[in-house]
PDB file of N, CA and C in Angstrom:
ATOM      1  N   UNK A   1       4.117   0.469   1.620  1.00  0.00           N
ATOM      2  CA  UNK A   1       4.758   0.880   0.499  1.00  0.00           C
ATOM      3  C   UNK A   1       6.316   1.311   0.898  1.00  0.00           C
ATOM      4  N   UNK A   2       6.463   1.596   2.127  1.00  0.00           N
ATOM      5  CA  UNK A   2       7.939   1.743   2.367  1.00  0.00           C
ATOM      6  C   UNK A   2       8.853   0.795   2.255  1.00  0.00           C
ATOM      7  N   UNK A   3       8.475  -0.372   2.451  1.00  0.00           N
ATOM      8  CA  UNK A   3       9.379  -1.593   2.031  1.00  0.00           C
ATOM      9  C   UNK A   3       9.948  -1.633   0.491  1.00  0.00           C
ATOM     10  N   UNK A   4       8.710  -1.649   0.006  1.00  0.00           N
ATOM     11  CA  UNK A   4       8.869  -1.631  -1.565  1.00  0.00           C
ATOM     12  C   UNK A   4       9.824  -0.711  -2.117  1.00  0.00           C
ATOM     13  N   UNK A   5       9.721   0.588  -1.513  1.00  0.00           N
ATOM     14  CA  UNK A   5      10.449   1.716  -2.077  1.00  0.00           C
ATOM     15  C   UNK A   5      12.028   1.590  -1.697  1.00  0.00           C
ATOM     16  N   UNK A   6      12.229   1.188  -0.463  1.00  0.00           N
ATOM     17  CA  UNK A   6      13.552   0.438   0.056  1.00  0.00           C
ATOM     18  C   UNK A   6      14.226  -0.336  -0.863  1.00  0.00           C
ATOM     19  N   UNK A   7      13.180  -1.439  -1.280  1.00  0.00           N
ATOM     20  CA  UNK A   7      13.922  -2.507  -1.969  1.00  0.00           C
ATOM     21  C   UNK A   7      14.375  -2.077  -3.341  1.00  0.00           C
ATOM     22  N   UNK A   8      13.522  -1.052  -3.879  1.00  0.00           N
ATOM     23  CA  UNK A   8      13.569  -0.573  -5.344  1.00  0.00           C
ATOM     24  C   UNK A   8      14.942   0.423  -5.263  1.00  0.00           C
ATOM     25  N   UNK A   9      15.413   0.719  -3.966  1.00  0.00           N
ATOM     26  CA  UNK A   9      16.412   1.789  -3.862  1.00  0.00           C
ATOM     27  C   UNK A   9      15.959   3.131  -4.193  1.00  0.00           C
ATOM     28  N   UNK A  10      14.708   3.459  -4.003  1.00  0.00           N
ATOM     29  CA  UNK A  10      14.206   4.806  -4.175  1.00  0.00           C
ATOM     30  C   UNK A  10      14.272   5.534  -2.798  1.00  0.00           C
ATOM     31  N   UNK A  11      14.854   6.792  -2.888  1.00  0.00           N
ATOM     32  CA  UNK A  11      14.931   7.613  -1.699  1.00  0.00           C
ATOM     33  C   UNK A  11      13.574   8.123  -1.326  1.00  0.00           C
ATOM     34  N   UNK A  12      13.570   8.351   0.174  1.00  0.00           N
ATOM     35  CA  UNK A  12      12.384   9.132   0.613  1.00  0.00           C
ATOM     36  C   UNK A  12      12.100  10.366   0.069  1.00  0.00           C
ATOM     37  N   UNK A  13      10.909  10.798  -0.213  1.00  0.00           N
ATOM     38  CA  UNK A  13      10.268  11.921  -0.819  1.00  0.00           C
ATOM     39  C   UNK A  13      10.581  12.818   0.391  1.00  0.00           C
ATOM     40  N   UNK A  14      10.771  14.397   0.104  1.00  0.00           N
ATOM     41  CA  UNK A  14      10.774  15.215   0.939  1.00  0.00           C
ATOM     42  C   UNK A  14       9.940  16.474   0.450  1.00  0.00           C
ATOM     43  N   UNK A  15       9.287  17.229   1.432  1.00  0.00           N
ATOM     44  CA  UNK A  15       8.366  18.455   0.836  1.00  0.00           C
ATOM     45  C   UNK A  15       9.090  19.510   0.373  1.00  0.00           C
ATOM     46  N   UNK A  16       8.423  20.153  -0.892  1.00  0.00           N
ATOM     47  CA  UNK A  16       8.944  21.086  -1.320  1.00  0.00           C
ATOM     48  C   UNK A  16       7.899  22.072  -1.882  1.00  0.00           C
ATOM     49  N   UNK A  17       8.203  23.303  -1.904  1.00  0.00           N
ATOM     50  CA  UNK A  17       7.153  24.185  -2.292  1.00  0.00           C
ATOM     51  C   UNK A  17       7.231  25.585  -1.676  1.00  0.00           C
ATOM     52  N   UNK A  18       6.384  26.744  -2.062  1.00  0.00           N
ATOM     53  CA  UNK A  18       6.332  27.869  -1.486  1.00  0.00           C
ATOM     54  C   UNK A  18       5.193  28.018  -0.220  1.00  0.00           C
ATOM     55  N   UNK A  19       4.200  27.148  -0.253  1.00  0.00           N
ATOM     56  CA  UNK A  19       3.074  27.236   0.499  1.00  0.00           C
ATOM     57  C   UNK A  19       3.228  26.325   1.830  1.00  0.00           C
ATOM     58  N   UNK A  20       4.539  25.544   1.830  1.00  0.00           N
ATOM     59  CA  UNK A  20       4.551  24.656   2.756  1.00  0.00           C
ATOM     60  C   UNK A  20       4.392  25.423   4.348  1.00  0.00           C
ATOM     61  N   UNK A  21       4.776  26.568   4.609  1.00  0.00           N
ATOM     62  CA  UNK A  21       4.654  27.305   5.901  1.00  0.00           C
ATOM     63  C   UNK A  21       2.980  27.493   6.211  1.00  0.00           C
ATOM     64  N   UNK A  22       2.485  27.635   5.209  1.00  0.00           N
ATOM     65  CA  UNK A  22       0.909  27.905   5.280  1.00  0.00           C
ATOM     66  C   UNK A  22       0.199  26.875   5.713  1.00  0.00           C
ATOM     67  N   UNK A  23       0.936  25.497   5.288  1.00  0.00           N
ATOM     68  CA  UNK A  23       0.309  24.168   5.640  1.00  0.00           C
ATOM     69  C   UNK A  23       0.794  23.325   6.863  1.00  0.00           C
ATOM     70  N   UNK A  24       1.598  24.280   7.490  1.00  0.00           N
ATOM     71  CA  UNK A  24       2.396  23.513   8.690  1.00  0.00           C
ATOM     72  C   UNK A  24       3.492  22.557   8.426  1.00  0.00           C
ATOM     73  N   UNK A  25       3.896  22.540   7.088  1.00  0.00           N
ATOM     74  CA  UNK A  25       4.816  21.740   6.730  1.00  0.00           C
ATOM     75  C   UNK A  25       6.388  22.448   6.641  1.00  0.00           C
ATOM     76  N   UNK A  26       7.452  21.673   6.612  1.00  0.00           N
ATOM     77  CA  UNK A  26       8.629  22.079   6.436  1.00  0.00           C
ATOM     78  C   UNK A  26       9.349  21.476   5.098  1.00  0.00           C
ATOM     79  N   UNK A  27       9.893  22.544   4.381  1.00  0.00           N
ATOM     80  CA  UNK A  27      10.635  22.128   3.270  1.00  0.00           C
ATOM     81  C   UNK A  27      11.999  21.287   3.563  1.00  0.00           C
ATOM     82  N   UNK A  28      12.028  20.294   3.068  1.00  0.00           N
ATOM     83  CA  UNK A  28      13.137  19.385   3.396  1.00  0.00           C
ATOM     84  C   UNK A  28      12.919  18.095   4.012  1.00  0.00           C
ATOM     85  N   UNK A  29      11.658  18.251   4.688  1.00  0.00           N
ATOM     86  CA  UNK A  29      11.349  17.211   5.808  1.00  0.00           C
ATOM     87  C   UNK A  29      10.907  16.018   4.943  1.00  0.00           C
ATOM     88  N   UNK A  30      11.108  14.848   5.457  1.00  0.00           N
ATOM     89  CA  UNK A  30      10.854  13.692   4.968  1.00  0.00           C
ATOM     90  C   UNK A  30       9.507  13.395   4.906  1.00  0.00           C
ATOM     91  N   UNK A  31       8.705  12.996   3.779  1.00  0.00           N
ATOM     92  CA  UNK A  31       7.306  12.515   3.773  1.00  0.00           C
ATOM     93  C   UNK A  31       7.296  11.170   4.277  1.00  0.00           C
ATOM     94  N   UNK A  32       6.350  11.101   5.202  1.00  0.00           N
ATOM     95  CA  UNK A  32       6.217   9.924   5.970  1.00  0.00           C
ATOM     96  C   UNK A  32       4.806   9.007   5.038  1.00  0.00           C
ATOM     97  N   UNK A  33       4.950   7.938   5.331  1.00  0.00           N
ATOM     98  CA  UNK A  33       3.929   7.013   4.607  1.00  0.00           C
ATOM     99  C   UNK A  33       2.542   7.550   5.069  1.00  0.00           C
ATOM    100  N   UNK A  34       2.352   7.643   6.387  1.00  0.00           N
ATOM    101  CA  UNK A  34       0.983   8.333   6.975  1.00  0.00           C
ATOM    102  C   UNK A  34       0.601   9.419   5.945  1.00  0.00           C
ATOM    103  N   UNK A  35       1.525  10.185   5.736  1.00  0.00           N
ATOM    104  CA  UNK A  35       1.258  11.677   5.268  1.00  0.00           C
ATOM    105  C   UNK A  35       0.767  11.321   3.734  1.00  0.00           C
ATOM    106  N   UNK A  36       1.517  10.614   3.178  1.00  0.00           N
ATOM    107  CA  UNK A  36       1.033  10.059   1.880  1.00  0.00           C
ATOM    108  C   UNK A  36      -0.204   9.509   1.628  1.00  0.00           C
ATOM    109  N   UNK A  37      -0.686   8.462   2.628  1.00  0.00           N
ATOM    110  CA  UNK A  37      -2.168   7.975   2.678  1.00  0.00           C
ATOM    111  C   UNK A  37      -2.979   9.121   2.802  1.00  0.00           C
ATOM    112  N   UNK A  38      -2.823   9.957   3.561  1.00  0.00           N
ATOM    113  CA  UNK A  38      -3.771  11.155   3.926  1.00  0.00           C
ATOM    114  C   UNK A  38      -3.971  12.071   2.702  1.00  0.00           C
ATOM    115  N   UNK A  39      -2.726  12.355   2.052  1.00  0.00           N
ATOM    116  CA  UNK A  39      -2.961  13.387   1.005  1.00  0.00           C
ATOM    117  C   UNK A  39      -3.402  12.694  -0.319  1.00  0.00           C
ATOM    118  N   UNK A  40      -2.796  11.673  -0.801  1.00  0.00           N
ATOM    119  CA  UNK A  40      -3.116  11.090  -1.895  1.00  0.00           C
ATOM    120  C   UNK A  40      -4.263   9.901  -2.053  1.00  0.00           C
ATOM    121  N   UNK A  41      -4.313   9.230  -0.906  1.00  0.00           N
ATOM    122  CA  UNK A  41      -5.343   8.288  -0.585  1.00  0.00           C
ATOM    123  C   UNK A  41      -6.870   8.645  -0.111  1.00  0.00           C
ATOM    124  N   UNK A  42      -6.614   9.360   0.828  1.00  0.00           N
ATOM    125  CA  UNK A  42      -7.771  10.158   1.534  1.00  0.00           C
ATOM    126  C   UNK A  42      -8.233  11.672   1.057  1.00  0.00           C
ATOM    127  N   UNK A  43      -7.085  12.217   0.363  1.00  0.00           N
ATOM    128  CA  UNK A  43      -7.536  13.807  -0.202  1.00  0.00           C
ATOM    129  C   UNK A  43      -7.578  14.597   0.943  1.00  0.00           C
ATOM    130  N   UNK A  44      -6.841  14.239   2.173  1.00  0.00           N
ATOM    131  CA  UNK A  44      -7.245  15.092   3.181  1.00  0.00           C
ATOM    132  C   UNK A  44      -5.620  15.842   3.493  1.00  0.00           C
ATOM    133  N   UNK A  45      -5.421  16.775   4.346  1.00  0.00           N
ATOM    134  CA  UNK A  45      -4.035  17.366   4.743  1.00  0.00           C
ATOM    135  C   UNK A  45      -3.230  16.130   5.184  1.00  0.00           C
ATOM    136  N   UNK A  46      -1.838  16.087   4.743  1.00  0.00           N
ATOM    137  CA  UNK A  46      -0.954  15.380   5.097  1.00  0.00           C
ATOM    138  C   UNK A  46      -1.001  15.114   6.486  1.00  0.00           C
ATOM    139  N   UNK A  47      -0.998  15.977   7.376  1.00  0.00           N
ATOM    140  CA  UNK A  47      -1.211  15.658   8.889  1.00  0.00           C
ATOM    141  C   UNK A  47      -2.393  15.816   9.549  1.00  0.00           C
ATOM    142  N   UNK A  48      -3.418  15.265   8.829  1.00  0.00           N
ATOM    143  CA  UNK A  48      -4.942  15.595   9.371  1.00  0.00           C
ATOM    144  C   UNK A  48      -4.992  14.866  10.660  1.00  0.00           C
ATOM    145  N   UNK A  49      -4.084  13.765  10.802  1.00  0.00           N
ATOM    146  CA  UNK A  49      -4.286  13.124  12.216  1.00  0.00           C
ATOM    147  C   UNK A  49      -3.544  13.811  13.237  1.00  0.00           C
ATOM    148  N   UNK A  50      -2.620  14.904  13.109  1.00  0.00           N
ATOM    149  CA  UNK A  50      -1.795  15.609  14.153  1.00  0.00           C
ATOM    150  C   UNK A  50      -3.011  16.303  15.085  1.00  0.00           C
ATOM    151  N   UNK A  51      -2.724  16.506  16.271  1.00  0.00           N
ATOM    152  CA  UNK A  51      -3.500  17.211  16.966  1.00  0.00           C
ATOM    153  C   UNK A  51      -3.446  18.644  16.765  1.00  0.00           C
ATOM    154  N   UNK A  52      -4.836  19.385  16.727  1.00  0.00           N
ATOM    155  CA  UNK A  52      -4.654  20.983  16.383  1.00  0.00           C
ATOM    156  C   UNK A  52      -4.579  21.545  17.587  1.00  0.00           C
ATOM    157  N   UNK A  53      -3.562  22.684  17.594  1.00  0.00           N
ATOM    158  CA  UNK A  53      -3.396  23.447  18.866  1.00  0.00           C
ATOM    159  C   UNK A  53      -4.342  24.230  19.392  1.00  0.00           C
ATOM    160  N   UNK A  54      -4.654  24.369  20.307  1.00  0.00           N
ATOM    161  CA  UNK A  54      -5.459  25.253  20.871  1.00  0.00           C
ATOM    162  C   UNK A  54      -5.397  26.670  21.068  1.00  0.00           C
ATOM    163  N   UNK A  55      -6.475  27.414  20.671  1.00  0.00           N
ATOM    164  CA  UNK A  55      -6.280  28.873  20.857  1.00  0.00           C
ATOM    165  C   UNK A  55      -6.207  29.478  22.096  1.00  0.00           C
ATOM    166  N   UNK A  56      -5.588  30.561  22.354  1.00  0.00           N
ATOM    167  CA  UNK A  56      -5.515  30.746  23.680  1.00  0.00           C
ATOM    168  C   UNK A  56      -6.539  31.492  24.505  1.00  0.00           C
TER     169      UNK A  56
END
Protein backbone atom coordinates (compact mmCIF):
# COMPACT_ATOMS: atom_id res chain seq x y z
CA UNK A 1 0.00 0.00 0.00
CA UNK A 2 2.78 2.44 0.87
CA UNK A 3 4.46 2.38 -2.59
CA UNK A 4 1.13 3.10 -4.32
CA UNK A 5 0.42 5.96 -1.90
CA UNK A 6 3.85 7.46 -2.53
CA UNK A 7 3.52 7.07 -6.30
CA UNK A 8 0.17 8.87 -6.21
CA UNK A 9 1.71 11.67 -4.14
CA UNK A 10 -0.64 11.12 -1.20
CA UNK A 11 0.91 12.10 2.15
CA UNK A 12 1.07 9.66 5.05
CA UNK A 13 -1.89 9.72 7.40
CA UNK A 14 -1.54 10.91 10.98
CA UNK A 15 -3.51 10.03 14.10
CA UNK A 16 -6.14 12.55 15.18
CA UNK A 17 -8.84 12.51 17.86
CA UNK A 18 -9.60 12.99 21.54
CA UNK A 19 -9.39 9.31 22.53
CA UNK A 20 -5.83 8.76 21.31
CA UNK A 21 -4.24 8.90 24.79
CA UNK A 22 -6.64 6.20 26.03
CA UNK A 23 -5.55 4.03 23.10
CA UNK A 24 -1.87 4.70 23.68
CA UNK A 25 -1.55 6.64 20.41
CA UNK A 26 -0.11 10.12 19.86
CA UNK A 27 -1.85 12.90 17.93
CA UNK A 28 0.10 13.82 14.81
CA UNK A 29 2.10 10.57 14.76
CA UNK A 30 2.39 8.94 11.35
CA UNK A 31 0.09 5.96 10.80
CA UNK A 32 2.14 2.94 9.74
CA UNK A 33 1.09 0.37 7.17
CA UNK A 34 1.03 -2.30 9.92
CA UNK A 35 -1.33 -0.14 12.02
CA UNK A 36 -3.64 0.27 9.02
CA UNK A 37 -3.68 -3.50 8.44
CA UNK A 38 -4.44 -4.16 12.11
CA UNK A 39 -7.21 -1.59 12.40
CA UNK A 40 -8.98 -1.86 9.05
CA UNK A 41 -7.94 -5.32 7.84
CA UNK A 42 -8.18 -7.25 11.11
CA UNK A 43 -10.43 -5.00 13.20
CA UNK A 44 -7.97 -5.02 16.09
CA UNK A 45 -6.04 -2.32 17.98
CA UNK A 46 -3.59 -0.54 15.64
CA UNK A 47 -0.68 -1.58 17.87
CA UNK A 48 -1.97 -5.06 18.70
CA UNK A 49 1.42 -6.52 17.87
CA UNK A 50 3.18 -4.19 20.34
CA UNK A 51 4.24 -5.93 23.56
CA UNK A 52 2.03 -5.11 26.54
CA UNK A 53 3.90 -3.63 29.47
CA UNK A 54 3.95 -5.71 32.60
CA UNK A 55 2.21 -4.70 35.80
CA UNK A 56 4.44 -3.76 38.73
